[in-house]
């Protein structure tokens, strides 16, 4: 009886350690400052957009079909969260998930450029990003 309780205890401890590992090491965050232009209804203006890219590790694919998420911010003006991205080669395709899955833009991991259709009244943003 004592032996079986010992094995059950080790099993529970192993599951706790595994859960801790998966919970803390399943994503990698990167922050970028993107400088470019935003176009809306024929007007173009320079703009800085800040981006936090959260990329999921490969084992997250066992329970999620997303490669990560992206938070975008125009300081003091606008914040948006995109909870579904798909990795296609060196490019991350950014999707809006509500009310339906719709492609909004992309981020190149190779050239570090962001091209995305932001909500009105901002319009389309395109620019180069540098790590923060």
N, C-alpha and C. Protein backbone atom coordinates (compact mmCIF):
# COMPACT_ATOMS: atom_id res chain seq x y z
N UNK A 1 0.82 -1.19 0.00
CA UNK A 1 0.00 0.00 0.00
C UNK A 1 0.88 1.27 0.00
N UNK A 2 1.93 1.28 0.84
CA UNK A 2 2.81 2.44 0.89
C UNK A 2 3.54 2.65 -0.43
N UNK A 3 3.93 1.55 -1.08
CA UNK A 3 4.62 1.64 -2.36
C UNK A 3 3.72 2.27 -3.43
N UNK A 4 2.47 1.85 -3.49
CA UNK A 4 1.55 2.38 -4.50
C UNK A 4 1.28 3.86 -4.26
N UNK A 5 1.15 4.28 -3.00
CA UNK A 5 0.97 5.70 -2.70
C UNK A 5 2.20 6.50 -3.10
N UNK A 6 3.37 5.91 -2.93
CA UNK A 6 4.62 6.56 -3.32
C UNK A 6 4.65 6.79 -4.83
N UNK A 7 4.26 5.77 -5.62
CA UNK A 7 4.22 5.90 -7.08
C UNK A 7 3.17 6.90 -7.53
N UNK A 8 2.03 6.89 -6.87
CA UNK A 8 0.98 7.87 -7.21
C UNK A 8 1.48 9.28 -6.90
N UNK A 9 2.17 9.45 -5.79
CA UNK A 9 2.73 10.76 -5.44
C UNK A 9 3.74 11.24 -6.46
N UNK A 10 4.63 10.33 -6.88
CA UNK A 10 5.60 10.70 -7.92
C UNK A 10 4.90 11.03 -9.24
N UNK A 11 3.84 10.31 -9.56
CA UNK A 11 3.08 10.57 -10.78
C UNK A 11 2.42 11.95 -10.74
N UNK A 12 1.81 12.28 -9.61
CA UNK A 12 1.18 13.60 -9.46
C UNK A 12 2.23 14.70 -9.52
N UNK A 13 3.36 14.49 -8.86
CA UNK A 13 4.45 15.47 -8.91
C UNK A 13 4.95 15.65 -10.34
N UNK A 14 5.08 14.56 -11.07
CA UNK A 14 5.50 14.64 -12.47
C UNK A 14 4.52 15.43 -13.32
N UNK A 15 3.23 15.22 -13.11
CA UNK A 15 2.21 15.97 -13.84
C UNK A 15 2.26 17.46 -13.51
N UNK A 16 2.50 17.79 -12.25
CA UNK A 16 2.60 19.19 -11.85
C UNK A 16 3.81 19.84 -12.53
N UNK A 17 4.94 19.15 -12.55
CA UNK A 17 6.14 19.68 -13.21
C UNK A 17 5.90 19.85 -14.70
N UNK A 18 5.26 18.88 -15.33
CA UNK A 18 4.94 18.97 -16.76
C UNK A 18 4.01 20.14 -17.03
N UNK A 19 2.98 20.32 -16.21
CA UNK A 19 2.05 21.44 -16.38
C UNK A 19 2.78 22.77 -16.24
N UNK A 20 3.67 22.88 -15.25
CA UNK A 20 4.45 24.10 -15.05
C UNK A 20 5.31 24.40 -16.28
N UNK A 21 5.96 23.38 -16.82
CA UNK A 21 6.80 23.54 -18.00
C UNK A 21 5.98 24.02 -19.20
N UNK A 22 4.86 23.35 -19.46
CA UNK A 22 4.01 23.70 -20.60
C UNK A 22 3.44 25.09 -20.43
N UNK A 23 2.99 25.43 -19.23
CA UNK A 23 2.37 26.74 -18.99
C UNK A 23 3.37 27.88 -19.13
N UNK A 24 4.62 27.67 -18.73
CA UNK A 24 5.59 28.76 -18.74
C UNK A 24 6.49 28.83 -19.97
N UNK A 25 6.56 27.77 -20.74
CA UNK A 25 7.48 27.77 -21.87
C UNK A 25 6.79 27.44 -23.19
N UNK A 26 5.52 27.77 -23.32
CA UNK A 26 4.77 27.47 -24.54
C UNK A 26 4.72 28.63 -25.53
N UNK A 27 5.26 29.78 -25.16
CA UNK A 27 5.20 30.93 -26.05
C UNK A 27 6.47 31.77 -25.89
N UNK A 28 6.80 32.48 -26.97
CA UNK A 28 7.93 33.40 -26.99
C UNK A 28 7.39 34.76 -27.43
N UNK A 29 7.67 35.80 -26.64
CA UNK A 29 7.21 37.15 -26.98
C UNK A 29 8.34 37.97 -27.57
N UNK A 30 7.99 38.75 -28.59
CA UNK A 30 8.90 39.71 -29.20
C UNK A 30 8.16 41.03 -29.34
N UNK A 31 8.88 42.12 -29.13
CA UNK A 31 8.26 43.45 -29.26
C UNK A 31 8.96 44.22 -30.36
N UNK A 32 8.16 44.95 -31.14
CA UNK A 32 8.68 45.70 -32.28
C UNK A 32 8.09 47.09 -32.32
N UNK A 33 8.86 48.02 -32.87
CA UNK A 33 8.36 49.34 -33.23
C UNK A 33 8.38 49.41 -34.74
N UNK A 34 7.22 49.64 -35.33
CA UNK A 34 7.10 49.67 -36.78
C UNK A 34 6.87 51.09 -37.25
N UNK A 35 7.74 51.57 -38.13
CA UNK A 35 7.63 52.92 -38.69
C UNK A 35 7.24 52.81 -40.14
N UNK A 36 6.21 53.54 -40.51
CA UNK A 36 5.75 53.49 -41.89
C UNK A 36 4.69 54.53 -42.16
N UNK A 37 3.77 54.19 -43.04
CA UNK A 37 2.70 55.11 -43.42
C UNK A 37 1.36 54.43 -43.28
N UNK A 38 0.38 55.24 -42.95
CA UNK A 38 -0.98 54.75 -42.86
C UNK A 38 -1.80 55.51 -43.88
N UNK A 39 -2.61 54.77 -44.65
CA UNK A 39 -3.41 55.35 -45.73
C UNK A 39 -4.88 55.14 -45.45
N UNK A 40 -5.66 56.22 -45.59
CA UNK A 40 -7.10 56.13 -45.39
C UNK A 40 -7.78 57.16 -46.27
N UNK A 41 -8.67 56.69 -47.12
CA UNK A 41 -9.48 57.52 -48.02
C UNK A 41 -8.64 58.54 -48.78
N UNK A 42 -7.54 58.08 -49.37
CA UNK A 42 -6.72 58.92 -50.22
C UNK A 42 -5.69 59.76 -49.50
N UNK A 43 -5.68 59.78 -48.19
CA UNK A 43 -4.67 60.54 -47.48
C UNK A 43 -3.66 59.57 -46.85
N UNK A 44 -2.42 60.01 -46.81
CA UNK A 44 -1.35 59.21 -46.24
C UNK A 44 -0.61 60.05 -45.21
N UNK A 45 -0.28 59.42 -44.08
CA UNK A 45 0.49 60.13 -43.06
C UNK A 45 1.46 59.17 -42.40
N UNK A 46 2.61 59.70 -41.93
CA UNK A 46 3.57 58.83 -41.25
C UNK A 46 3.00 58.35 -39.91
N UNK A 47 3.38 57.13 -39.51
CA UNK A 47 2.81 56.57 -38.29
C UNK A 47 3.80 55.57 -37.69
N UNK A 48 3.83 55.51 -36.37
CA UNK A 48 4.56 54.47 -35.64
C UNK A 48 3.53 53.55 -34.98
N UNK A 49 3.70 52.26 -35.20
CA UNK A 49 2.83 51.25 -34.61
C UNK A 49 3.72 50.33 -33.78
N UNK A 50 3.26 50.03 -32.58
CA UNK A 50 4.00 49.13 -31.71
C UNK A 50 3.33 47.76 -31.74
N UNK A 51 4.13 46.71 -31.80
CA UNK A 51 3.60 45.36 -31.94
C UNK A 51 4.24 44.43 -30.93
N UNK A 52 3.39 43.61 -30.29
CA UNK A 52 3.88 42.52 -29.46
C UNK A 52 3.46 41.23 -30.14
N UNK A 53 4.44 40.45 -30.55
CA UNK A 53 4.21 39.19 -31.24
C UNK A 53 4.43 38.05 -30.25
N UNK A 54 3.43 37.23 -30.07
CA UNK A 54 3.53 36.05 -29.22
C UNK A 54 3.47 34.83 -30.12
N UNK A 55 4.60 34.11 -30.22
CA UNK A 55 4.66 32.91 -31.06
C UNK A 55 4.60 31.67 -30.19
N UNK A 56 3.70 30.75 -30.54
CA UNK A 56 3.56 29.51 -29.79
C UNK A 56 4.64 28.51 -30.19
N UNK A 57 5.07 27.71 -29.24
CA UNK A 57 6.01 26.62 -29.51
C UNK A 57 5.31 25.52 -30.30
N UNK A 58 6.06 24.63 -30.88
CA UNK A 58 5.50 23.60 -31.76
C UNK A 58 4.49 22.70 -31.06
N UNK A 59 4.69 22.38 -29.78
CA UNK A 59 3.76 21.46 -29.11
C UNK A 59 2.40 22.07 -28.84
N UNK A 60 2.27 23.39 -28.95
CA UNK A 60 0.97 24.02 -28.76
C UNK A 60 0.02 23.62 -29.89
N UNK A 61 0.58 23.20 -31.02
CA UNK A 61 -0.22 22.73 -32.14
C UNK A 61 -1.06 21.50 -31.80
N UNK A 62 -0.75 20.84 -30.70
CA UNK A 62 -1.56 19.70 -30.28
C UNK A 62 -2.96 20.13 -29.85
N UNK A 63 -3.11 21.37 -29.37
CA UNK A 63 -4.43 21.82 -28.91
C UNK A 63 -4.87 23.15 -29.50
N UNK A 64 -4.08 23.73 -30.41
CA UNK A 64 -4.46 25.00 -31.02
C UNK A 64 -4.06 25.00 -32.48
N UNK A 65 -4.87 25.65 -33.32
CA UNK A 65 -4.53 25.76 -34.74
C UNK A 65 -3.87 27.11 -35.06
N UNK A 66 -3.61 27.93 -34.05
CA UNK A 66 -2.98 29.22 -34.23
C UNK A 66 -1.49 29.14 -33.91
N UNK A 67 -0.68 29.88 -34.67
CA UNK A 67 0.76 29.93 -34.42
C UNK A 67 1.10 30.99 -33.38
N UNK A 68 0.10 31.73 -32.91
CA UNK A 68 0.35 32.76 -31.91
C UNK A 68 -0.68 33.86 -31.95
N UNK A 69 -0.28 35.04 -31.48
CA UNK A 69 -1.17 36.19 -31.47
C UNK A 69 -0.35 37.47 -31.62
N UNK A 70 -1.04 38.56 -31.96
CA UNK A 70 -0.39 39.85 -32.14
C UNK A 70 -1.23 40.93 -31.47
N UNK A 71 -0.54 41.79 -30.71
CA UNK A 71 -1.15 42.99 -30.15
C UNK A 71 -0.54 44.17 -30.88
N UNK A 72 -1.39 45.08 -31.36
CA UNK A 72 -0.92 46.29 -32.02
C UNK A 72 -1.39 47.50 -31.23
N UNK A 73 -0.55 48.54 -31.23
CA UNK A 73 -0.92 49.77 -30.52
C UNK A 73 -0.41 50.98 -31.28
N UNK A 74 -1.29 51.97 -31.44
CA UNK A 74 -0.91 53.31 -31.85
C UNK A 74 -1.06 54.12 -30.57
N UNK A 75 0.05 54.58 -29.98
CA UNK A 75 -0.03 55.20 -28.65
C UNK A 75 -1.08 56.31 -28.55
N UNK A 76 -1.84 56.24 -27.51
CA UNK A 76 -2.90 57.21 -27.18
C UNK A 76 -4.03 57.28 -28.21
N UNK A 77 -4.09 56.31 -29.14
CA UNK A 77 -5.13 56.36 -30.15
C UNK A 77 -5.90 55.06 -30.30
N UNK A 78 -5.16 53.91 -30.31
CA UNK A 78 -5.81 52.68 -30.74
C UNK A 78 -5.04 51.46 -30.27
N UNK A 79 -5.77 50.40 -29.90
CA UNK A 79 -5.17 49.13 -29.51
C UNK A 79 -6.00 48.03 -30.13
N UNK A 80 -5.35 46.99 -30.64
CA UNK A 80 -6.08 45.86 -31.24
C UNK A 80 -5.34 44.57 -30.95
N UNK A 81 -6.12 43.50 -30.79
CA UNK A 81 -5.59 42.17 -30.53
C UNK A 81 -6.04 41.24 -31.64
N UNK A 82 -5.10 40.51 -32.23
CA UNK A 82 -5.40 39.51 -33.25
C UNK A 82 -4.98 38.15 -32.66
N UNK A 83 -5.95 37.32 -32.35
CA UNK A 83 -5.71 36.08 -31.65
C UNK A 83 -5.38 34.89 -32.51
N UNK A 84 -5.35 35.08 -33.83
CA UNK A 84 -5.05 33.95 -34.70
C UNK A 84 -4.07 34.38 -35.78
N UNK A 85 -2.89 33.74 -35.79
CA UNK A 85 -1.93 33.95 -36.88
C UNK A 85 -1.51 32.58 -37.39
N UNK A 86 -1.20 32.55 -38.68
CA UNK A 86 -0.75 31.31 -39.31
C UNK A 86 0.62 31.57 -39.93
N UNK A 87 1.53 30.63 -39.72
CA UNK A 87 2.87 30.74 -40.27
C UNK A 87 2.91 30.09 -41.64
N UNK A 88 3.31 30.87 -42.65
CA UNK A 88 3.44 30.39 -44.01
C UNK A 88 4.85 30.75 -44.46
N UNK A 89 5.75 29.79 -44.37
CA UNK A 89 7.16 30.07 -44.67
C UNK A 89 7.71 31.06 -43.67
N UNK A 90 8.26 32.17 -44.15
CA UNK A 90 8.80 33.21 -43.28
C UNK A 90 7.78 34.31 -43.01
N UNK A 91 6.54 34.08 -43.35
CA UNK A 91 5.51 35.09 -43.19
C UNK A 91 4.46 34.63 -42.18
N UNK A 92 4.00 35.57 -41.38
CA UNK A 92 2.90 35.32 -40.46
C UNK A 92 1.67 36.02 -41.02
N UNK A 93 0.63 35.26 -41.29
CA UNK A 93 -0.62 35.83 -41.77
C UNK A 93 -1.50 36.12 -40.57
N UNK A 94 -1.99 37.35 -40.50
CA UNK A 94 -2.74 37.84 -39.34
C UNK A 94 -4.23 37.82 -39.66
N UNK A 95 -5.00 37.18 -38.78
CA UNK A 95 -6.43 37.04 -38.99
C UNK A 95 -7.23 37.70 -37.87
N UNK A 96 -8.32 38.33 -38.27
CA UNK A 96 -9.33 38.77 -37.32
C UNK A 96 -10.26 37.59 -37.12
N UNK A 97 -10.62 37.29 -35.91
CA UNK A 97 -11.43 36.09 -35.67
C UNK A 97 -12.88 36.38 -35.35
N UNK A 98 -13.25 37.63 -35.11
CA UNK A 98 -14.64 37.94 -34.80
C UNK A 98 -15.15 38.97 -35.76
N UNK A 99 -16.28 38.88 -36.34
CA UNK A 99 -17.30 37.84 -36.20
C UNK A 99 -16.99 36.57 -37.00
N UNK A 100 -16.05 36.67 -37.94
CA UNK A 100 -15.63 35.48 -38.69
C UNK A 100 -14.14 35.62 -39.00
N UNK A 101 -13.51 34.51 -39.31
CA UNK A 101 -12.08 34.53 -39.60
C UNK A 101 -11.84 35.24 -40.92
N UNK A 102 -11.10 36.35 -40.86
CA UNK A 102 -10.82 37.14 -42.05
C UNK A 102 -9.36 37.60 -42.03
N UNK A 103 -8.67 37.44 -43.16
CA UNK A 103 -7.28 37.87 -43.28
C UNK A 103 -7.21 39.39 -43.20
N UNK A 104 -6.37 39.90 -42.29
CA UNK A 104 -6.23 41.34 -42.11
C UNK A 104 -4.88 41.86 -42.60
N UNK A 105 -3.84 41.00 -42.59
CA UNK A 105 -2.54 41.46 -43.02
C UNK A 105 -1.48 40.40 -42.81
N UNK A 106 -0.22 40.84 -42.88
CA UNK A 106 0.88 39.89 -42.68
C UNK A 106 2.10 40.60 -42.10
N UNK A 107 2.96 39.78 -41.49
CA UNK A 107 4.22 40.23 -40.95
C UNK A 107 5.30 39.29 -41.47
N UNK A 108 6.32 39.85 -42.09
CA UNK A 108 7.42 39.04 -42.61
C UNK A 108 8.49 38.89 -41.53
N UNK A 109 8.77 37.65 -41.16
CA UNK A 109 9.83 37.39 -40.19
C UNK A 109 11.20 37.57 -40.83
N UNK A 110 11.27 37.53 -42.15
CA UNK A 110 12.53 37.68 -42.87
C UNK A 110 12.92 39.16 -43.00
N UNK A 111 12.01 39.98 -43.52
CA UNK A 111 12.32 41.40 -43.73
C UNK A 111 11.83 42.30 -42.61
N UNK A 112 11.09 41.74 -41.65
CA UNK A 112 10.54 42.48 -40.52
C UNK A 112 9.64 43.64 -40.98
N UNK A 113 8.78 43.35 -41.94
CA UNK A 113 7.82 44.35 -42.40
C UNK A 113 6.41 43.93 -42.03
N UNK A 114 5.59 44.93 -41.72
CA UNK A 114 4.20 44.72 -41.34
C UNK A 114 3.31 45.42 -42.35
N UNK A 115 2.32 44.70 -42.84
CA UNK A 115 1.31 45.27 -43.74
C UNK A 115 -0.04 44.79 -43.22
N UNK A 116 -0.89 45.74 -42.79
CA UNK A 116 -2.15 45.33 -42.17
C UNK A 116 -3.23 46.38 -42.37
N UNK A 117 -4.44 45.89 -42.56
CA UNK A 117 -5.62 46.75 -42.69
C UNK A 117 -6.18 46.97 -41.29
N UNK A 118 -5.99 48.18 -40.76
CA UNK A 118 -6.46 48.52 -39.42
C UNK A 118 -7.92 48.98 -39.48
N UNK A 119 -8.52 49.05 -38.33
CA UNK A 119 -9.91 49.49 -38.25
C UNK A 119 -10.05 50.94 -38.70
N UNK A 120 -11.23 51.30 -39.19
CA UNK A 120 -11.54 52.67 -39.53
C UNK A 120 -11.52 53.47 -38.22
N UNK A 121 -11.03 54.64 -38.17
CA UNK A 121 -10.65 55.58 -39.22
C UNK A 121 -9.16 55.56 -39.57
N UNK A 122 -8.44 54.50 -39.26
CA UNK A 122 -7.01 54.48 -39.49
C UNK A 122 -6.66 54.06 -40.91
N UNK A 123 -7.15 52.93 -41.37
CA UNK A 123 -6.88 52.49 -42.73
C UNK A 123 -5.80 51.44 -42.82
N UNK A 124 -5.02 51.48 -43.89
CA UNK A 124 -3.99 50.47 -44.16
C UNK A 124 -2.64 50.96 -43.70
N UNK A 125 -1.93 50.14 -42.93
CA UNK A 125 -0.59 50.48 -42.46
C UNK A 125 0.43 49.58 -43.14
N UNK A 126 1.53 50.16 -43.57
CA UNK A 126 2.66 49.40 -44.10
C UNK A 126 3.94 50.03 -43.61
N UNK A 127 4.85 49.19 -43.08
CA UNK A 127 6.09 49.76 -42.59
C UNK A 127 7.09 48.70 -42.15
N UNK A 128 8.30 49.17 -41.88
CA UNK A 128 9.38 48.30 -41.42
C UNK A 128 9.45 48.33 -39.90
N UNK A 129 9.77 47.18 -39.31
CA UNK A 129 9.79 47.04 -37.86
C UNK A 129 11.21 46.76 -37.37
N UNK A 130 11.50 47.27 -36.18
CA UNK A 130 12.75 46.97 -35.50
C UNK A 130 12.41 46.43 -34.10
N UNK A 131 13.22 45.50 -33.64
CA UNK A 131 12.97 44.90 -32.33
C UNK A 131 13.14 45.95 -31.23
N UNK A 132 12.27 45.89 -30.28
CA UNK A 132 12.31 46.79 -29.12
C UNK A 132 12.99 46.13 -27.97
